[in-house]
């Protein structure tokens, strides 16, 4: 993933806060077996200190590939929008001379995967995930010897991904003039489709922190 200086995270807290704000769905990317393409699996995840916790169905084709090569990547993408060319035309030039682009936030984790098959360890992983996704506790106990989860544990495998590297990108034209960024954020708010609103929020948030871009 190419990250220009103006697209980089301003500090470690920026991408960590973004993940913690509900960006808990991403794509696991695994090296394929010899002769096969890479495998990708969309899934929810939970952060546990320096690890990502995931569970997948036992029949999932990724297991053989992970057993062969435990080096994997996990990518989370959000707050994205297409920016039409006329919105980006430099001042004093015809609108149709503007070049379109995409705005987005992306965080890519490089990880070392450990497969979890022990029933109690899988139950503990699920308990941690449930504490994140259903913090009100409105679910049956996740226990090896109790239904409904106990009898379902054999149908899943857990993954504990040790994070070895993080690459974060916040692509919101931060190298452009303040007036340009403000105008695009206003246009996104006015258009108001898809993820336009959170995209505009990210652009304004970065603008408040960065101000005029200084190389």
N, C-alpha and C. Protein backbone atom coordinates (compact mmCIF):
# COMPACT_ATOMS: atom_id res chain seq x y z
N UNK A 1 0.85 -1.19 0.00
CA UNK A 1 0.00 0.00 0.00
C UNK A 1 0.89 1.24 0.00
N UNK A 2 0.74 2.06 -1.02
CA UNK A 2 1.50 3.30 -1.11
C UNK A 2 0.95 4.33 -0.13
N UNK A 3 1.83 4.91 0.67
CA UNK A 3 1.43 5.95 1.62
C UNK A 3 2.32 7.17 1.41
N UNK A 4 1.76 8.22 0.82
CA UNK A 4 2.50 9.46 0.68
C UNK A 4 2.64 10.12 2.06
N UNK A 5 3.62 11.00 2.21
CA UNK A 5 3.79 11.66 3.52
C UNK A 5 2.52 12.35 4.02
N UNK A 6 1.75 12.94 3.13
CA UNK A 6 0.54 13.64 3.55
C UNK A 6 -0.63 12.70 3.84
N UNK A 7 -0.48 11.42 3.50
CA UNK A 7 -1.53 10.43 3.78
C UNK A 7 -1.24 9.63 5.06
N UNK A 8 -0.06 9.79 5.61
CA UNK A 8 0.36 8.95 6.73
C UNK A 8 -0.40 9.31 8.01
N UNK A 9 -0.52 8.32 8.91
CA UNK A 9 -1.11 8.59 10.22
C UNK A 9 -0.25 9.61 10.94
N UNK A 10 -0.90 10.52 11.64
CA UNK A 10 -0.18 11.59 12.34
C UNK A 10 0.53 11.04 13.56
N UNK A 11 0.02 9.98 14.12
CA UNK A 11 0.66 9.30 15.25
C UNK A 11 -0.02 7.94 15.41
N UNK A 12 0.50 7.13 16.30
CA UNK A 12 -0.04 5.80 16.53
C UNK A 12 -1.47 5.85 17.03
N UNK A 13 -1.78 6.84 17.85
CA UNK A 13 -3.13 6.94 18.41
C UNK A 13 -4.19 7.16 17.35
N UNK A 14 -3.82 7.81 16.24
CA UNK A 14 -4.82 8.13 15.23
C UNK A 14 -5.44 6.87 14.65
N UNK A 15 -4.63 5.93 14.22
CA UNK A 15 -5.22 4.71 13.64
C UNK A 15 -5.82 3.82 14.72
N UNK A 16 -5.25 3.81 15.92
CA UNK A 16 -5.83 3.02 17.00
C UNK A 16 -7.21 3.54 17.38
N UNK A 17 -7.36 4.86 17.46
CA UNK A 17 -8.67 5.45 17.77
C UNK A 17 -9.67 5.14 16.66
N UNK A 18 -9.21 5.19 15.42
CA UNK A 18 -10.11 4.91 14.29
C UNK A 18 -10.62 3.48 14.35
N UNK A 19 -9.75 2.54 14.63
CA UNK A 19 -10.17 1.14 14.77
C UNK A 19 -11.17 1.01 15.92
N UNK A 20 -10.88 1.66 17.05
CA UNK A 20 -11.72 1.54 18.24
C UNK A 20 -13.10 2.16 18.06
N UNK A 21 -13.26 3.02 17.06
CA UNK A 21 -14.53 3.70 16.84
C UNK A 21 -15.53 2.85 16.05
N UNK A 22 -15.34 1.55 16.07
CA UNK A 22 -16.30 0.66 15.43
C UNK A 22 -15.86 0.09 14.11
N UNK A 23 -14.61 0.31 13.73
CA UNK A 23 -14.09 -0.28 12.49
C UNK A 23 -13.51 -1.64 12.82
N UNK A 24 -14.40 -2.62 12.96
CA UNK A 24 -14.02 -3.95 13.44
C UNK A 24 -14.40 -5.04 12.45
N UNK A 25 -14.39 -4.69 11.18
CA UNK A 25 -14.64 -5.66 10.11
C UNK A 25 -13.60 -5.44 9.03
N UNK A 26 -12.93 -6.53 8.63
CA UNK A 26 -11.89 -6.37 7.64
C UNK A 26 -11.73 -7.60 6.78
N UNK A 27 -10.58 -7.72 6.16
CA UNK A 27 -10.34 -8.83 5.24
C UNK A 27 -9.01 -9.50 5.56
N UNK A 28 -9.11 -10.79 5.87
CA UNK A 28 -7.91 -11.60 6.10
C UNK A 28 -7.34 -12.02 4.76
N UNK A 29 -6.05 -11.82 4.58
CA UNK A 29 -5.38 -12.16 3.31
C UNK A 29 -4.29 -13.19 3.60
N UNK A 30 -4.38 -14.33 2.92
CA UNK A 30 -3.51 -15.47 3.19
C UNK A 30 -2.82 -15.89 1.90
N UNK A 31 -1.53 -16.22 1.99
CA UNK A 31 -0.83 -16.74 0.82
C UNK A 31 -1.44 -18.07 0.40
N UNK A 32 -1.70 -18.22 -0.89
CA UNK A 32 -2.32 -19.45 -1.37
C UNK A 32 -1.35 -20.61 -1.40
N UNK A 33 -1.90 -21.80 -1.55
CA UNK A 33 -1.07 -22.98 -1.73
C UNK A 33 -0.36 -22.90 -3.08
N UNK A 34 0.72 -23.66 -3.29
CA UNK A 34 1.44 -23.59 -4.57
C UNK A 34 0.50 -23.75 -5.76
N UNK A 35 0.57 -22.80 -6.67
CA UNK A 35 -0.27 -22.84 -7.86
C UNK A 35 -1.63 -22.18 -7.69
N UNK A 36 -1.97 -21.79 -6.45
CA UNK A 36 -3.26 -21.16 -6.18
C UNK A 36 -3.07 -19.66 -5.92
N UNK A 37 -4.11 -18.86 -6.19
CA UNK A 37 -4.02 -17.43 -5.87
C UNK A 37 -4.15 -17.21 -4.37
N UNK A 38 -3.83 -16.00 -3.88
CA UNK A 38 -4.04 -15.69 -2.47
C UNK A 38 -5.51 -15.86 -2.09
N UNK A 39 -5.75 -16.16 -0.83
CA UNK A 39 -7.10 -16.31 -0.31
C UNK A 39 -7.46 -15.10 0.52
N UNK A 40 -8.71 -14.63 0.39
CA UNK A 40 -9.19 -13.50 1.19
C UNK A 40 -10.49 -13.89 1.86
N UNK A 41 -10.64 -13.49 3.12
CA UNK A 41 -11.83 -13.82 3.89
C UNK A 41 -12.32 -12.56 4.61
N UNK A 42 -13.52 -12.08 4.30
CA UNK A 42 -14.07 -10.96 5.06
C UNK A 42 -14.61 -11.45 6.40
N UNK A 43 -14.29 -10.72 7.47
CA UNK A 43 -14.71 -11.18 8.79
C UNK A 43 -14.61 -10.07 9.83
N UNK A 44 -15.40 -10.20 10.89
CA UNK A 44 -15.23 -9.34 12.06
C UNK A 44 -13.97 -9.77 12.82
N UNK A 45 -13.46 -8.86 13.62
CA UNK A 45 -12.29 -9.18 14.46
C UNK A 45 -12.38 -8.39 15.75
N UNK A 46 -11.60 -8.82 16.72
CA UNK A 46 -11.49 -8.14 18.00
C UNK A 46 -10.03 -7.88 18.29
N UNK A 47 -9.74 -6.72 18.86
CA UNK A 47 -8.36 -6.38 19.22
C UNK A 47 -8.11 -6.82 20.65
N UNK A 48 -6.99 -7.53 20.86
CA UNK A 48 -6.58 -7.98 22.19
C UNK A 48 -5.11 -7.63 22.35
N UNK A 49 -4.86 -6.43 22.90
CA UNK A 49 -3.50 -5.91 23.02
C UNK A 49 -2.83 -5.92 21.66
N UNK A 50 -1.76 -6.71 21.49
CA UNK A 50 -1.04 -6.70 20.22
C UNK A 50 -1.48 -7.84 19.30
N UNK A 51 -2.73 -8.29 19.47
CA UNK A 51 -3.24 -9.39 18.67
C UNK A 51 -4.62 -9.05 18.12
N UNK A 52 -4.96 -9.68 17.01
CA UNK A 52 -6.31 -9.66 16.48
C UNK A 52 -6.90 -11.04 16.67
N UNK A 53 -8.15 -11.10 17.14
CA UNK A 53 -8.81 -12.37 17.38
C UNK A 53 -9.90 -12.59 16.34
N UNK A 54 -9.90 -13.78 15.74
CA UNK A 54 -10.84 -14.12 14.67
C UNK A 54 -11.28 -15.55 14.87
N UNK A 55 -12.50 -15.88 14.46
CA UNK A 55 -12.89 -17.29 14.34
C UNK A 55 -13.57 -17.49 13.00
N UNK A 56 -13.33 -18.65 12.41
CA UNK A 56 -13.88 -18.98 11.10
C UNK A 56 -14.39 -20.41 11.12
N UNK A 57 -15.27 -20.72 10.20
CA UNK A 57 -15.81 -22.07 10.11
C UNK A 57 -14.70 -23.06 9.76
N UNK A 58 -14.79 -24.24 10.32
CA UNK A 58 -13.79 -25.27 10.08
C UNK A 58 -13.64 -25.62 8.58
N UNK A 59 -14.73 -25.63 7.78
CA UNK A 59 -14.57 -25.96 6.36
C UNK A 59 -13.92 -24.86 5.52
N UNK A 60 -13.61 -23.71 6.12
CA UNK A 60 -13.03 -22.61 5.36
C UNK A 60 -11.73 -23.07 4.70
N UNK A 61 -11.53 -22.75 3.42
CA UNK A 61 -10.33 -23.22 2.71
C UNK A 61 -9.03 -22.57 3.15
N UNK A 62 -9.07 -21.56 4.03
CA UNK A 62 -7.83 -20.88 4.39
C UNK A 62 -6.93 -21.70 5.31
N UNK A 63 -7.49 -22.70 6.00
CA UNK A 63 -6.71 -23.37 7.05
C UNK A 63 -5.46 -24.06 6.51
N UNK A 64 -5.59 -24.78 5.41
CA UNK A 64 -4.43 -25.46 4.86
C UNK A 64 -3.35 -24.46 4.46
N UNK A 65 -3.78 -23.33 3.92
CA UNK A 65 -2.81 -22.31 3.51
C UNK A 65 -2.11 -21.71 4.73
N UNK A 66 -2.85 -21.45 5.80
CA UNK A 66 -2.25 -20.88 7.01
C UNK A 66 -1.30 -21.89 7.66
N UNK A 67 -1.70 -23.16 7.65
CA UNK A 67 -0.82 -24.18 8.22
C UNK A 67 0.50 -24.27 7.47
N UNK A 68 0.46 -23.96 6.18
CA UNK A 68 1.68 -23.98 5.38
C UNK A 68 2.49 -22.70 5.55
N UNK A 69 1.81 -21.57 5.66
CA UNK A 69 2.48 -20.27 5.78
C UNK A 69 1.66 -19.40 6.73
N UNK A 70 2.18 -19.19 7.93
CA UNK A 70 1.45 -18.45 8.96
C UNK A 70 1.59 -16.94 8.85
N UNK A 71 2.36 -16.45 7.87
CA UNK A 71 2.48 -15.01 7.66
C UNK A 71 1.28 -14.52 6.85
N UNK A 72 0.47 -13.67 7.46
CA UNK A 72 -0.77 -13.22 6.83
C UNK A 72 -0.88 -11.70 6.96
N UNK A 73 -1.86 -11.15 6.28
CA UNK A 73 -2.18 -9.73 6.41
C UNK A 73 -3.66 -9.58 6.71
N UNK A 74 -4.00 -8.51 7.40
CA UNK A 74 -5.40 -8.21 7.68
C UNK A 74 -5.60 -6.73 7.43
N UNK A 75 -6.58 -6.40 6.57
CA UNK A 75 -6.79 -5.01 6.16
C UNK A 75 -8.19 -4.54 6.51
N UNK A 76 -8.26 -3.33 7.05
CA UNK A 76 -9.53 -2.70 7.39
C UNK A 76 -9.64 -1.42 6.58
N UNK A 77 -10.77 -1.23 5.90
CA UNK A 77 -10.99 -0.06 5.05
C UNK A 77 -12.31 0.59 5.42
N UNK A 78 -12.34 1.91 5.46
CA UNK A 78 -13.60 2.60 5.78
C UNK A 78 -13.53 4.07 5.44
N UNK A 79 -14.63 4.77 5.74
CA UNK A 79 -14.74 6.22 5.52
C UNK A 79 -14.24 6.60 4.14
N UNK A 80 -14.81 5.92 3.12
CA UNK A 80 -14.35 6.13 1.74
C UNK A 80 -15.44 6.78 0.89
N UNK A 81 -15.00 7.49 -0.14
CA UNK A 81 -15.93 8.13 -1.07
C UNK A 81 -15.18 8.43 -2.37
N UNK A 82 -15.93 8.44 -3.48
CA UNK A 82 -15.39 8.86 -4.77
C UNK A 82 -15.51 10.38 -4.86
N UNK A 83 -14.41 11.03 -5.25
CA UNK A 83 -14.39 12.49 -5.36
C UNK A 83 -14.34 12.85 -6.85
N UNK A 84 -15.42 13.44 -7.40
CA UNK A 84 -15.46 13.75 -8.83
C UNK A 84 -14.38 14.76 -9.22
N UNK A 85 -13.97 14.69 -10.50
CA UNK A 85 -12.95 15.59 -11.00
C UNK A 85 -13.24 17.06 -10.80
N UNK A 86 -14.46 17.54 -11.12
CA UNK A 86 -14.73 18.97 -10.97
C UNK A 86 -14.51 19.50 -9.55
N UNK A 87 -14.66 18.64 -8.55
CA UNK A 87 -14.44 19.07 -7.16
C UNK A 87 -12.96 19.37 -6.89
N UNK A 88 -12.08 18.78 -7.72
CA UNK A 88 -10.64 18.89 -7.47
C UNK A 88 -9.94 19.80 -8.49
N UNK A 89 -10.69 20.47 -9.32
CA UNK A 89 -10.07 21.35 -10.30
C UNK A 89 -9.35 22.50 -9.59
N UNK A 90 -8.08 22.75 -9.93
CA UNK A 90 -7.37 23.87 -9.31
C UNK A 90 -8.08 25.19 -9.58
N UNK A 91 -7.93 26.12 -8.68
CA UNK A 91 -8.55 27.44 -8.84
C UNK A 91 -8.13 28.07 -10.16
N UNK A 92 -9.10 28.62 -10.87
CA UNK A 92 -8.82 29.30 -12.13
C UNK A 92 -8.75 28.40 -13.33
N UNK A 93 -9.06 27.11 -13.18
CA UNK A 93 -9.06 26.18 -14.30
C UNK A 93 -10.48 25.67 -14.54
N UNK A 94 -10.79 25.22 -15.76
CA UNK A 94 -12.13 24.69 -16.03
C UNK A 94 -12.43 23.48 -15.13
N UNK A 95 -13.65 23.36 -14.63
CA UNK A 95 -14.00 22.22 -13.75
C UNK A 95 -13.70 20.87 -14.37
N UNK A 96 -13.91 20.73 -15.71
CA UNK A 96 -13.71 19.42 -16.32
C UNK A 96 -12.24 19.03 -16.40
N UNK A 97 -11.32 19.95 -16.07
CA UNK A 97 -9.90 19.63 -16.04
C UNK A 97 -9.49 18.99 -14.71
N UNK A 98 -10.42 18.97 -13.76
CA UNK A 98 -10.11 18.34 -12.48
C UNK A 98 -9.99 16.83 -12.62
N UNK A 99 -9.10 16.25 -11.85
CA UNK A 99 -8.86 14.80 -11.90
C UNK A 99 -9.50 14.14 -10.67
N UNK A 100 -10.37 13.15 -10.88
CA UNK A 100 -11.05 12.51 -9.74
C UNK A 100 -10.08 11.66 -8.91
N UNK A 101 -10.52 11.31 -7.72
CA UNK A 101 -9.74 10.44 -6.85
C UNK A 101 -10.66 9.74 -5.86
N UNK A 102 -10.08 8.90 -5.03
CA UNK A 102 -10.82 8.26 -3.95
C UNK A 102 -10.27 8.74 -2.62
N UNK A 103 -11.15 8.98 -1.67
CA UNK A 103 -10.75 9.23 -0.29
C UNK A 103 -11.04 7.96 0.50
N UNK A 104 -10.18 7.65 1.48
CA UNK A 104 -10.44 6.49 2.32
C UNK A 104 -9.44 6.44 3.47
N UNK A 105 -9.81 5.65 4.47
CA UNK A 105 -8.86 5.26 5.52
C UNK A 105 -8.62 3.76 5.37
N UNK A 106 -7.37 3.36 5.49
CA UNK A 106 -7.03 1.94 5.44
C UNK A 106 -5.95 1.65 6.48
N UNK A 107 -6.13 0.54 7.18
CA UNK A 107 -5.11 0.08 8.12
C UNK A 107 -4.78 -1.36 7.76
N UNK A 108 -3.50 -1.61 7.48
CA UNK A 108 -3.08 -2.95 7.14
C UNK A 108 -2.17 -3.51 8.24
N UNK A 109 -2.61 -4.64 8.78
CA UNK A 109 -1.82 -5.33 9.80
C UNK A 109 -1.06 -6.48 9.16
N UNK A 110 0.24 -6.54 9.36
CA UNK A 110 1.02 -7.72 9.00
C UNK A 110 1.10 -8.59 10.26
N UNK A 111 0.78 -9.86 10.13
CA UNK A 111 0.60 -10.71 11.32
C UNK A 111 1.22 -12.09 11.16
N UNK A 112 1.43 -12.71 12.29
CA UNK A 112 1.82 -14.11 12.36
C UNK A 112 0.65 -14.84 13.00
N UNK A 113 0.09 -15.79 12.28
CA UNK A 113 -1.14 -16.45 12.70
C UNK A 113 -0.87 -17.69 13.53
N UNK A 114 -1.67 -17.84 14.59
CA UNK A 114 -1.64 -19.06 15.40
C UNK A 114 -3.06 -19.63 15.43
N UNK A 115 -3.21 -20.88 15.02
CA UNK A 115 -4.52 -21.52 14.98
C UNK A 115 -4.88 -22.04 16.38
N UNK A 116 -6.13 -21.84 16.77
CA UNK A 116 -6.61 -22.27 18.08
C UNK A 116 -7.65 -23.37 17.88
N UNK A 117 -7.35 -24.56 18.40
CA UNK A 117 -8.26 -25.69 18.29
C UNK A 117 -8.75 -26.21 19.64
N UNK A 118 -8.04 -25.87 20.72
CA UNK A 118 -8.47 -26.33 22.03
C UNK A 118 -9.85 -25.78 22.36
N UNK A 119 -10.80 -26.62 22.77
CA UNK A 119 -12.18 -26.16 23.00
C UNK A 119 -12.28 -25.00 24.00
N UNK A 120 -11.59 -25.09 25.12
CA UNK A 120 -11.67 -24.02 26.11
C UNK A 120 -11.03 -22.74 25.59
N UNK A 121 -9.93 -22.87 24.84
CA UNK A 121 -9.28 -21.69 24.26
C UNK A 121 -10.20 -21.03 23.23
N UNK A 122 -10.91 -21.84 22.47
CA UNK A 122 -11.87 -21.27 21.51
C UNK A 122 -13.01 -20.58 22.24
N UNK A 123 -13.49 -21.18 23.32
CA UNK A 123 -14.56 -20.56 24.10
C UNK A 123 -14.10 -19.22 24.66
N UNK A 124 -12.87 -19.16 25.14
CA UNK A 124 -12.35 -17.90 25.68
C UNK A 124 -12.24 -16.85 24.58
N UNK A 125 -11.82 -17.26 23.39
CA UNK A 125 -11.78 -16.31 22.26
C UNK A 125 -13.16 -15.77 21.97
N UNK A 126 -14.17 -16.65 21.94
CA UNK A 126 -15.54 -16.20 21.69
C UNK A 126 -16.03 -15.29 22.80
N UNK A 127 -15.67 -15.58 24.05
CA UNK A 127 -16.09 -14.71 25.15
C UNK A 127 -15.52 -13.31 24.97
N UNK A 128 -14.28 -13.22 24.53
CA UNK A 128 -13.67 -11.91 24.30
C UNK A 128 -14.37 -11.18 23.15
N UNK A 129 -14.73 -11.92 22.11
CA UNK A 129 -15.43 -11.30 21.00
C UNK A 129 -16.83 -10.84 21.41
N UNK A 130 -17.51 -11.66 22.18
CA UNK A 130 -18.85 -11.30 22.63
C UNK A 130 -18.82 -10.08 23.55
N UNK A 131 -17.78 -9.97 24.36
CA UNK A 131 -17.65 -8.80 25.23
C UNK A 131 -17.53 -7.52 24.42
N UNK A 132 -16.96 -7.65 23.23
CA UNK A 132 -16.84 -6.48 22.35
C UNK A 132 -18.12 -6.22 21.57
N UNK A 133 -18.67 -7.27 20.95
CA UNK A 133 -19.80 -7.08 20.05
C UNK A 133 -21.16 -7.07 20.77
N UNK A 134 -21.27 -7.74 21.90
CA UNK A 134 -22.50 -7.72 22.69
C UNK A 134 -22.16 -7.43 24.14
N UNK A 135 -21.69 -6.21 24.40
CA UNK A 135 -21.23 -5.87 25.75
C UNK A 135 -22.32 -5.90 26.81
N UNK A 136 -23.59 -5.86 26.40
CA UNK A 136 -24.68 -5.93 27.37
C UNK A 136 -24.85 -7.33 27.95
N UNK A 137 -24.15 -8.30 27.37
CA UNK A 137 -24.22 -9.65 27.89
C UNK A 137 -25.51 -10.37 27.60
N UNK A 138 -26.22 -9.93 26.57
CA UNK A 138 -27.52 -10.51 26.23
C UNK A 138 -27.34 -11.77 25.37
N UNK A 139 -26.64 -12.74 25.93
CA UNK A 139 -26.41 -14.00 25.22
C UNK A 139 -26.17 -15.10 26.24
N UNK A 140 -26.34 -16.32 25.79
CA UNK A 140 -26.10 -17.47 26.66
C UNK A 140 -24.62 -17.56 27.01
N UNK A 141 -24.27 -18.21 28.12
CA UNK A 141 -22.87 -18.37 28.48
C UNK A 141 -22.11 -19.12 27.38
N UNK A 142 -20.90 -18.65 27.10
CA UNK A 142 -20.06 -19.35 26.14
C UNK A 142 -19.20 -20.33 26.93
N UNK A 143 -19.65 -21.57 27.00
CA UNK A 143 -18.98 -22.59 27.80
C UNK A 143 -18.90 -23.90 27.03
N UNK A 144 -17.81 -24.61 27.24
CA UNK A 144 -17.57 -25.86 26.52
C UNK A 144 -18.67 -26.89 26.78
N UNK A 145 -19.20 -26.90 28.00
CA UNK A 145 -20.15 -27.95 28.39
C UNK A 145 -21.59 -27.47 28.46
N UNK A 146 -21.89 -26.32 27.82
CA UNK A 146 -23.25 -25.80 27.86
C UNK A 146 -23.72 -25.42 26.46
N UNK A 147 -25.01 -25.65 26.17
CA UNK A 147 -25.56 -25.20 24.90
C UNK A 147 -25.84 -23.69 24.97
N UNK A 148 -25.91 -23.00 23.84
CA UNK A 148 -25.79 -23.58 22.50
C UNK A 148 -24.35 -23.61 21.97
N UNK A 149 -23.46 -22.86 22.64
CA UNK A 149 -22.12 -22.70 22.08
C UNK A 149 -21.26 -23.95 22.24
N UNK A 150 -21.44 -24.67 23.34
CA UNK A 150 -20.60 -25.83 23.58
C UNK A 150 -20.60 -26.82 22.44
N UNK A 151 -21.79 -27.12 21.93
CA UNK A 151 -21.87 -28.12 20.86
C UNK A 151 -21.46 -27.55 19.49
N UNK A 152 -21.30 -26.24 19.41
CA UNK A 152 -20.94 -25.63 18.13
C UNK A 152 -19.43 -25.39 18.01
N UNK A 153 -18.70 -25.52 19.11
CA UNK A 153 -17.27 -25.20 19.08
C UNK A 153 -16.49 -26.08 18.12
N UNK A 154 -16.93 -27.32 17.94
CA UNK A 154 -16.21 -28.21 17.03
C UNK A 154 -16.30 -27.76 15.58
N UNK A 155 -17.25 -26.90 15.27
CA UNK A 155 -17.44 -26.45 13.90
C UNK A 155 -16.64 -25.22 13.53
N UNK A 156 -15.85 -24.69 14.48
CA UNK A 156 -15.05 -23.50 14.19
C UNK A 156 -13.60 -23.74 14.60
N UNK A 157 -12.73 -22.89 14.11
CA UNK A 157 -11.35 -22.81 14.57
C UNK A 157 -11.06 -21.34 14.85
N UNK A 158 -10.22 -21.10 15.84
CA UNK A 158 -9.87 -19.73 16.18
C UNK A 158 -8.54 -19.32 15.56
N UNK A 159 -8.36 -18.02 15.43
CA UNK A 159 -7.10 -17.46 14.94
C UNK A 159 -6.67 -16.33 15.87
N UNK A 160 -5.45 -16.43 16.33
CA UNK A 160 -4.85 -15.34 17.09
C UNK A 160 -3.73 -14.76 16.24
N UNK A 161 -3.91 -13.54 15.77
CA UNK A 161 -2.96 -12.92 14.85
C UNK A 161 -2.06 -11.98 15.62
N UNK A 162 -0.80 -12.35 15.73
CA UNK A 162 0.17 -11.47 16.38
C UNK A 162 0.59 -10.38 15.39
N UNK A 163 0.33 -9.13 15.75
CA UNK A 163 0.62 -8.02 14.85
C UNK A 163 2.12 -7.71 14.90
N UNK A 164 2.76 -7.76 13.74
CA UNK A 164 4.20 -7.48 13.66
C UNK A 164 4.48 -6.13 12.99
N UNK A 165 3.52 -5.62 12.24
CA UNK A 165 3.70 -4.33 11.58
C UNK A 165 2.33 -3.73 11.27
N UNK A 166 2.24 -2.41 11.35
CA UNK A 166 0.99 -1.71 11.02
C UNK A 166 1.31 -0.60 10.03
N UNK A 167 0.54 -0.54 8.95
CA UNK A 167 0.66 0.54 7.97
C UNK A 167 -0.71 1.19 7.85
N UNK A 168 -0.78 2.47 8.17
CA UNK A 168 -2.06 3.18 8.16
C UNK A 168 -2.03 4.31 7.13
N UNK A 169 -3.16 4.51 6.47
CA UNK A 169 -3.27 5.53 5.43
C UNK A 169 -4.58 6.30 5.59
N UNK A 170 -4.48 7.62 5.62
CA UNK A 170 -5.64 8.50 5.67
C UNK A 170 -5.57 9.40 4.43
N UNK A 171 -6.26 9.01 3.38
CA UNK A 171 -6.13 9.68 2.08
C UNK A 171 -7.27 10.69 1.89
N UNK A 172 -6.99 11.94 2.23
CA UNK A 172 -8.02 12.98 2.16
C UNK A 172 -7.49 14.30 1.60
N UNK A 173 -6.55 14.21 0.67
CA UNK A 173 -6.01 15.40 0.00
C UNK A 173 -5.39 16.40 0.98
N UNK A 174 -4.69 15.90 2.00
CA UNK A 174 -4.15 16.80 3.01
C UNK A 174 -3.03 17.69 2.49
N UNK A 175 -2.52 17.40 1.29
CA UNK A 175 -1.48 18.26 0.70
C UNK A 175 -2.08 19.41 -0.10
N UNK A 176 -3.41 19.42 -0.24
CA UNK A 176 -4.08 20.48 -0.98
C UNK A 176 -4.31 21.69 -0.07
N UNK A 177 -4.59 22.88 -0.66
CA UNK A 177 -4.85 24.07 0.15
C UNK A 177 -6.04 23.87 1.09
N UNK A 178 -6.03 24.63 2.17
CA UNK A 178 -7.10 24.55 3.17
C UNK A 178 -8.46 24.81 2.53
N UNK A 179 -8.53 25.80 1.65
CA UNK A 179 -9.81 26.13 1.02
C UNK A 179 -10.34 24.97 0.19
N UNK A 180 -9.45 24.29 -0.49
CA UNK A 180 -9.85 23.15 -1.30
C UNK A 180 -10.42 22.04 -0.43
N UNK A 181 -9.74 21.70 0.65
CA UNK A 181 -10.19 20.61 1.52
C UNK A 181 -11.52 20.95 2.19
N UNK A 182 -11.65 22.21 2.59
CA UNK A 182 -12.92 22.64 3.20
C UNK A 182 -14.06 22.53 2.21
N UNK A 183 -13.81 22.94 0.97
CA UNK A 183 -14.84 22.90 -0.06
C UNK A 183 -15.27 21.47 -0.37
N UNK A 184 -14.30 20.56 -0.47
CA UNK A 184 -14.64 19.17 -0.76
C UNK A 184 -15.43 18.56 0.39
N UNK A 185 -15.04 18.84 1.62
CA UNK A 185 -15.78 18.32 2.77
C UNK A 185 -17.22 18.83 2.76
N UNK A 186 -17.40 20.09 2.40
CA UNK A 186 -18.76 20.65 2.31
C UNK A 186 -19.56 19.97 1.21
N UNK A 187 -18.92 19.70 0.09
CA UNK A 187 -19.61 19.02 -1.02
C UNK A 187 -20.00 17.59 -0.63
N UNK A 188 -19.13 16.91 0.09
CA UNK A 188 -19.46 15.56 0.55
C UNK A 188 -20.67 15.59 1.47
N UNK A 189 -20.69 16.55 2.39
CA UNK A 189 -21.82 16.67 3.31
C UNK A 189 -23.11 16.95 2.55
N UNK A 190 -23.01 17.82 1.55
CA UNK A 190 -24.20 18.15 0.76
C UNK A 190 -24.67 16.95 -0.07
N UNK A 191 -23.74 16.21 -0.66
CA UNK A 191 -24.12 15.04 -1.47
C UNK A 191 -24.76 13.96 -0.60
N UNK A 192 -24.15 13.65 0.52
CA UNK A 192 -24.75 12.82 1.55
C UNK A 192 -25.17 11.42 1.15
N UNK A 193 -24.38 10.74 0.37
CA UNK A 193 -24.71 9.36 0.01
C UNK A 193 -23.61 8.43 0.50
N UNK A 194 -23.95 7.17 0.67
CA UNK A 194 -22.95 6.19 1.11
C UNK A 194 -22.24 6.63 2.37
N UNK A 195 -20.91 6.65 2.30
CA UNK A 195 -20.09 7.04 3.44
C UNK A 195 -19.58 8.49 3.32
N UNK A 196 -20.33 9.31 2.58
CA UNK A 196 -19.90 10.71 2.41
C UNK A 196 -19.74 11.44 3.75
N UNK A 197 -20.68 11.26 4.67
CA UNK A 197 -20.64 11.99 5.94
C UNK A 197 -19.40 11.62 6.76
N UNK A 198 -19.12 10.32 7.00
CA UNK A 198 -17.90 10.02 7.75
C UNK A 198 -16.63 10.38 7.00
N UNK A 199 -16.67 10.35 5.67
CA UNK A 199 -15.50 10.78 4.90
C UNK A 199 -15.23 12.26 5.11
N UNK A 200 -16.30 13.06 5.06
CA UNK A 200 -16.17 14.49 5.31
C UNK A 200 -15.65 14.75 6.72
N UNK A 201 -16.13 13.95 7.68
CA UNK A 201 -15.67 14.10 9.06
C UNK A 201 -14.17 13.86 9.16
N UNK A 202 -13.68 12.81 8.49
CA UNK A 202 -12.25 12.53 8.54
C UNK A 202 -11.44 13.66 7.91
N UNK A 203 -11.95 14.19 6.80
CA UNK A 203 -11.22 15.26 6.14
C UNK A 203 -11.16 16.50 7.03
N UNK A 204 -12.26 16.84 7.67
CA UNK A 204 -12.28 18.02 8.57
C UNK A 204 -11.41 17.78 9.80
N UNK A 205 -11.45 16.55 10.33
CA UNK A 205 -10.64 16.24 11.52
C UNK A 205 -9.16 16.39 11.21
N UNK A 206 -8.74 15.84 10.07
CA UNK A 206 -7.34 15.96 9.67
C UNK A 206 -6.97 17.41 9.38
N UNK A 207 -7.88 18.13 8.76
CA UNK A 207 -7.63 19.55 8.46
C UNK A 207 -7.40 20.34 9.74
N UNK A 208 -8.20 20.06 10.78
CA UNK A 208 -8.05 20.76 12.05
C UNK A 208 -6.69 20.48 12.69
N UNK A 209 -6.18 19.26 12.51
CA UNK A 209 -4.90 18.91 13.12
C UNK A 209 -3.71 19.38 12.29
N UNK A 210 -3.84 19.31 10.97
CA UNK A 210 -2.70 19.61 10.11
C UNK A 210 -2.65 21.07 9.69
N UNK A 211 -3.83 21.65 9.37
CA UNK A 211 -3.84 22.99 8.80
C UNK A 211 -3.19 22.98 7.43
N UNK A 212 -2.53 24.05 7.03
CA UNK A 212 -1.82 24.04 5.74
C UNK A 212 -0.72 22.98 5.75
N UNK A 213 -0.63 22.22 4.66
CA UNK A 213 0.37 21.15 4.60
C UNK A 213 1.77 21.74 4.47
N UNK A 214 2.66 21.23 5.33
CA UNK A 214 4.08 21.65 5.26
C UNK A 214 4.91 20.40 4.99
N UNK A 215 5.53 20.29 3.81
CA UNK A 215 6.33 19.11 3.47
C UNK A 215 7.43 18.84 4.51
